[in-house]
Amino acid sequence: MSHIVLLHLPGEEPVAGEVEELPKPTDTVITVINPRRRDGKDVHYIDSRAVKVVWPLERISFIEILGGEEEEQIIGFVRE
């Protein structure tokens, strides 16, 4: 089960993404899948083709674990 997280880096905007498992106390890095800004746009210092990014945990102030977003339904309008 993947988790949606929000990484807070000092002096930067938060970075959203998915992680396959939450970091353990003994981990030194975190691997984030599909990194993006909170609004869904690309992070300016990450190549737009990158699908995974590995950050050292020492560069992260704190991590928010978000829930319930995967359960949202997208409602679209269809013209008949």
N, C-alpha and C. Protein backbone atom coordinates (compact mmCIF):
# COMPACT_ATOMS: atom_id res chain seq x y z
N MET A 1 0.85 -1.18 0.00
CA MET A 1 0.00 0.00 0.00
C MET A 1 0.89 1.23 0.00
N SER A 2 0.64 2.13 -0.93
CA SER A 2 1.43 3.35 -0.95
C SER A 2 0.76 4.43 -0.12
N HIS A 3 1.57 5.38 0.32
CA HIS A 3 1.10 6.50 1.13
C HIS A 3 1.40 7.79 0.38
N ILE A 4 0.47 8.74 0.45
CA ILE A 4 0.71 10.06 -0.12
C ILE A 4 1.33 10.91 0.98
N VAL A 5 2.48 11.51 0.68
CA VAL A 5 3.19 12.30 1.69
C VAL A 5 3.46 13.70 1.17
N LEU A 6 3.73 14.60 2.10
CA LEU A 6 4.11 15.96 1.81
C LEU A 6 5.42 16.21 2.55
N LEU A 7 6.51 16.38 1.78
CA LEU A 7 7.83 16.60 2.37
C LEU A 7 8.08 18.09 2.53
N HIS A 8 8.53 18.48 3.70
CA HIS A 8 8.85 19.89 3.96
C HIS A 8 10.37 20.02 4.02
N LEU A 9 10.92 20.73 3.01
CA LEU A 9 12.35 20.95 2.92
C LEU A 9 12.64 22.39 3.33
N PRO A 10 13.70 22.63 4.11
CA PRO A 10 14.00 24.00 4.54
C PRO A 10 14.22 24.93 3.34
N GLY A 11 13.54 26.06 3.33
CA GLY A 11 13.71 27.06 2.29
C GLY A 11 13.07 26.73 0.97
N GLU A 12 12.28 25.67 0.89
CA GLU A 12 11.64 25.24 -0.36
C GLU A 12 10.14 25.06 -0.14
N GLU A 13 9.40 25.03 -1.24
CA GLU A 13 7.99 24.69 -1.15
C GLU A 13 7.86 23.20 -0.83
N PRO A 14 6.79 22.79 -0.15
CA PRO A 14 6.61 21.36 0.12
C PRO A 14 6.50 20.56 -1.18
N VAL A 15 6.96 19.32 -1.13
CA VAL A 15 6.92 18.42 -2.27
C VAL A 15 5.98 17.26 -1.93
N ALA A 16 5.01 17.04 -2.79
CA ALA A 16 4.07 15.92 -2.61
C ALA A 16 4.55 14.74 -3.43
N GLY A 17 4.13 13.55 -3.03
CA GLY A 17 4.47 12.35 -3.77
C GLY A 17 3.98 11.12 -3.03
N GLU A 18 4.26 9.97 -3.60
CA GLU A 18 3.88 8.71 -2.98
C GLU A 18 5.12 7.96 -2.52
N VAL A 19 4.97 7.24 -1.43
CA VAL A 19 6.03 6.35 -0.97
C VAL A 19 5.42 4.98 -0.77
N GLU A 20 6.20 3.94 -1.07
CA GLU A 20 5.68 2.58 -0.92
C GLU A 20 5.57 2.19 0.55
N GLU A 21 6.52 2.66 1.36
CA GLU A 21 6.41 2.46 2.80
C GLU A 21 7.03 3.65 3.50
N LEU A 22 6.54 3.92 4.69
CA LEU A 22 7.04 5.06 5.46
C LEU A 22 8.45 4.78 5.97
N PRO A 23 9.26 5.83 6.11
CA PRO A 23 10.63 5.61 6.58
C PRO A 23 10.66 5.08 8.02
N LYS A 24 11.60 4.20 8.26
CA LYS A 24 11.81 3.64 9.61
C LYS A 24 12.83 4.51 10.34
N PRO A 25 12.92 4.41 11.64
CA PRO A 25 13.90 5.20 12.38
C PRO A 25 15.35 4.95 11.95
N THR A 26 15.63 3.80 11.37
CA THR A 26 17.00 3.49 10.96
C THR A 26 17.31 3.92 9.52
N ASP A 27 16.30 4.36 8.76
CA ASP A 27 16.51 4.77 7.37
C ASP A 27 17.26 6.10 7.29
N THR A 28 18.02 6.27 6.23
CA THR A 28 18.74 7.52 6.00
C THR A 28 18.23 8.26 4.77
N VAL A 29 17.43 7.59 3.94
CA VAL A 29 16.87 8.21 2.74
C VAL A 29 15.39 7.87 2.62
N ILE A 30 14.70 8.66 1.80
CA ILE A 30 13.30 8.38 1.47
C ILE A 30 13.17 8.43 -0.05
N THR A 31 12.50 7.45 -0.63
CA THR A 31 12.28 7.40 -2.07
C THR A 31 10.85 7.82 -2.35
N VAL A 32 10.71 8.89 -3.12
CA VAL A 32 9.39 9.45 -3.44
C VAL A 32 9.07 9.18 -4.90
N ILE A 33 7.89 8.65 -5.14
CA ILE A 33 7.42 8.36 -6.49
C ILE A 33 6.53 9.51 -6.95
N ASN A 34 6.71 9.93 -8.20
CA ASN A 34 5.91 10.99 -8.80
C ASN A 34 5.98 12.30 -7.99
N PRO A 35 7.18 12.84 -7.79
CA PRO A 35 7.30 14.08 -7.01
C PRO A 35 6.70 15.26 -7.76
N ARG A 36 6.00 16.11 -7.03
CA ARG A 36 5.35 17.29 -7.60
C ARG A 36 5.10 18.31 -6.50
N ARG A 37 4.76 19.52 -6.91
CA ARG A 37 4.38 20.51 -5.91
C ARG A 37 2.98 20.18 -5.40
N ARG A 38 2.60 20.83 -4.35
CA ARG A 38 1.29 20.56 -3.75
C ARG A 38 0.15 20.78 -4.75
N ASP A 39 0.32 21.74 -5.66
CA ASP A 39 -0.72 22.03 -6.64
C ASP A 39 -0.65 21.14 -7.88
N GLY A 40 0.28 20.17 -7.88
CA GLY A 40 0.39 19.22 -8.98
C GLY A 40 1.38 19.61 -10.07
N LYS A 41 1.95 20.80 -9.99
CA LYS A 41 2.92 21.25 -11.00
C LYS A 41 4.29 20.63 -10.72
N ASP A 42 5.17 20.68 -11.73
CA ASP A 42 6.52 20.14 -11.59
C ASP A 42 7.34 20.93 -10.58
N VAL A 43 8.24 20.25 -9.88
CA VAL A 43 9.19 20.90 -8.99
C VAL A 43 10.32 21.43 -9.87
N HIS A 44 10.66 22.72 -9.75
CA HIS A 44 11.56 23.36 -10.71
C HIS A 44 12.96 22.77 -10.74
N TYR A 45 13.43 22.16 -9.69
CA TYR A 45 14.79 21.63 -9.66
C TYR A 45 14.85 20.12 -9.93
N ILE A 46 13.73 19.52 -10.29
CA ILE A 46 13.69 18.10 -10.64
C ILE A 46 13.31 17.99 -12.12
N ASP A 47 14.04 17.16 -12.86
CA ASP A 47 13.75 16.95 -14.27
C ASP A 47 12.32 16.45 -14.42
N SER A 48 11.61 16.97 -15.40
CA SER A 48 10.20 16.61 -15.59
C SER A 48 10.00 15.14 -15.96
N ARG A 49 11.05 14.44 -16.40
CA ARG A 49 10.94 13.02 -16.74
C ARG A 49 11.18 12.11 -15.55
N ALA A 50 11.60 12.65 -14.42
CA ALA A 50 11.90 11.83 -13.24
C ALA A 50 10.60 11.25 -12.66
N VAL A 51 10.64 9.97 -12.36
CA VAL A 51 9.48 9.31 -11.75
C VAL A 51 9.73 8.95 -10.29
N LYS A 52 11.01 8.88 -9.90
CA LYS A 52 11.37 8.62 -8.50
C LYS A 52 12.52 9.54 -8.12
N VAL A 53 12.50 10.01 -6.88
CA VAL A 53 13.58 10.84 -6.35
C VAL A 53 13.93 10.30 -4.96
N VAL A 54 15.22 10.23 -4.68
CA VAL A 54 15.69 9.77 -3.38
C VAL A 54 16.27 10.98 -2.64
N TRP A 55 15.69 11.29 -1.49
CA TRP A 55 16.16 12.41 -0.67
C TRP A 55 16.80 11.87 0.61
N PRO A 56 17.91 12.47 1.04
CA PRO A 56 18.43 12.12 2.37
C PRO A 56 17.49 12.70 3.43
N LEU A 57 17.18 11.93 4.43
CA LEU A 57 16.25 12.38 5.46
C LEU A 57 16.80 13.57 6.25
N GLU A 58 18.11 13.76 6.25
CA GLU A 58 18.68 14.90 6.98
C GLU A 58 18.31 16.23 6.33
N ARG A 59 17.87 16.22 5.06
CA ARG A 59 17.46 17.44 4.36
C ARG A 59 15.98 17.76 4.55
N ILE A 60 15.24 16.91 5.24
CA ILE A 60 13.80 17.08 5.38
C ILE A 60 13.48 17.52 6.81
N SER A 61 12.71 18.63 6.92
CA SER A 61 12.31 19.13 8.23
C SER A 61 11.28 18.20 8.87
N PHE A 62 10.23 17.89 8.11
CA PHE A 62 9.23 16.94 8.60
C PHE A 62 8.42 16.42 7.42
N ILE A 63 7.68 15.34 7.66
CA ILE A 63 6.89 14.67 6.63
C ILE A 63 5.44 14.60 7.10
N GLU A 64 4.53 15.05 6.24
CA GLU A 64 3.10 14.90 6.51
C GLU A 64 2.60 13.69 5.73
N ILE A 65 1.78 12.88 6.36
CA ILE A 65 1.18 11.71 5.71
C ILE A 65 -0.28 12.06 5.46
N LEU A 66 -0.64 12.15 4.19
CA LEU A 66 -1.99 12.55 3.82
C LEU A 66 -2.86 11.32 3.62
N GLY A 67 -4.13 11.45 3.90
CA GLY A 67 -5.03 10.32 3.73
C GLY A 67 -6.32 10.75 3.09
N GLY A 68 -6.97 9.80 2.49
CA GLY A 68 -8.29 10.02 1.93
C GLY A 68 -8.32 10.57 0.52
N GLU A 69 -7.21 11.05 -0.01
CA GLU A 69 -7.23 11.62 -1.35
C GLU A 69 -7.47 10.57 -2.41
N GLU A 70 -6.97 9.35 -2.19
CA GLU A 70 -7.17 8.32 -3.19
C GLU A 70 -8.62 7.87 -3.25
N GLU A 71 -9.43 8.23 -2.25
CA GLU A 71 -10.82 7.82 -2.23
C GLU A 71 -11.73 8.85 -2.89
N GLU A 72 -11.19 10.03 -3.22
CA GLU A 72 -12.00 11.06 -3.86
C GLU A 72 -12.44 10.60 -5.24
N GLN A 73 -13.64 10.98 -5.60
CA GLN A 73 -14.13 10.65 -6.93
C GLN A 73 -14.04 11.90 -7.79
N ILE A 74 -13.62 11.73 -9.03
CA ILE A 74 -13.56 12.84 -9.96
C ILE A 74 -14.85 12.82 -10.76
N ILE A 75 -15.53 13.95 -10.73
CA ILE A 75 -16.79 14.07 -11.46
C ILE A 75 -16.53 14.98 -12.64
N GLY A 76 -16.78 14.49 -13.81
CA GLY A 76 -16.58 15.30 -15.01
C GLY A 76 -17.92 15.57 -15.69
N PHE A 77 -17.91 16.60 -16.50
CA PHE A 77 -19.11 16.95 -17.24
C PHE A 77 -18.97 16.48 -18.68
N VAL A 78 -19.99 15.82 -19.17
CA VAL A 78 -19.97 15.29 -20.53
C VAL A 78 -21.09 15.92 -21.31
N ARG A 79 -20.74 16.49 -22.45
CA ARG A 79 -21.75 17.09 -23.30
C ARG A 79 -22.32 16.01 -24.22
N GLU A 80 -23.61 15.88 -24.23
CA GLU A 80 -24.24 14.87 -25.06
C GLU A 80 -24.71 15.45 -26.37
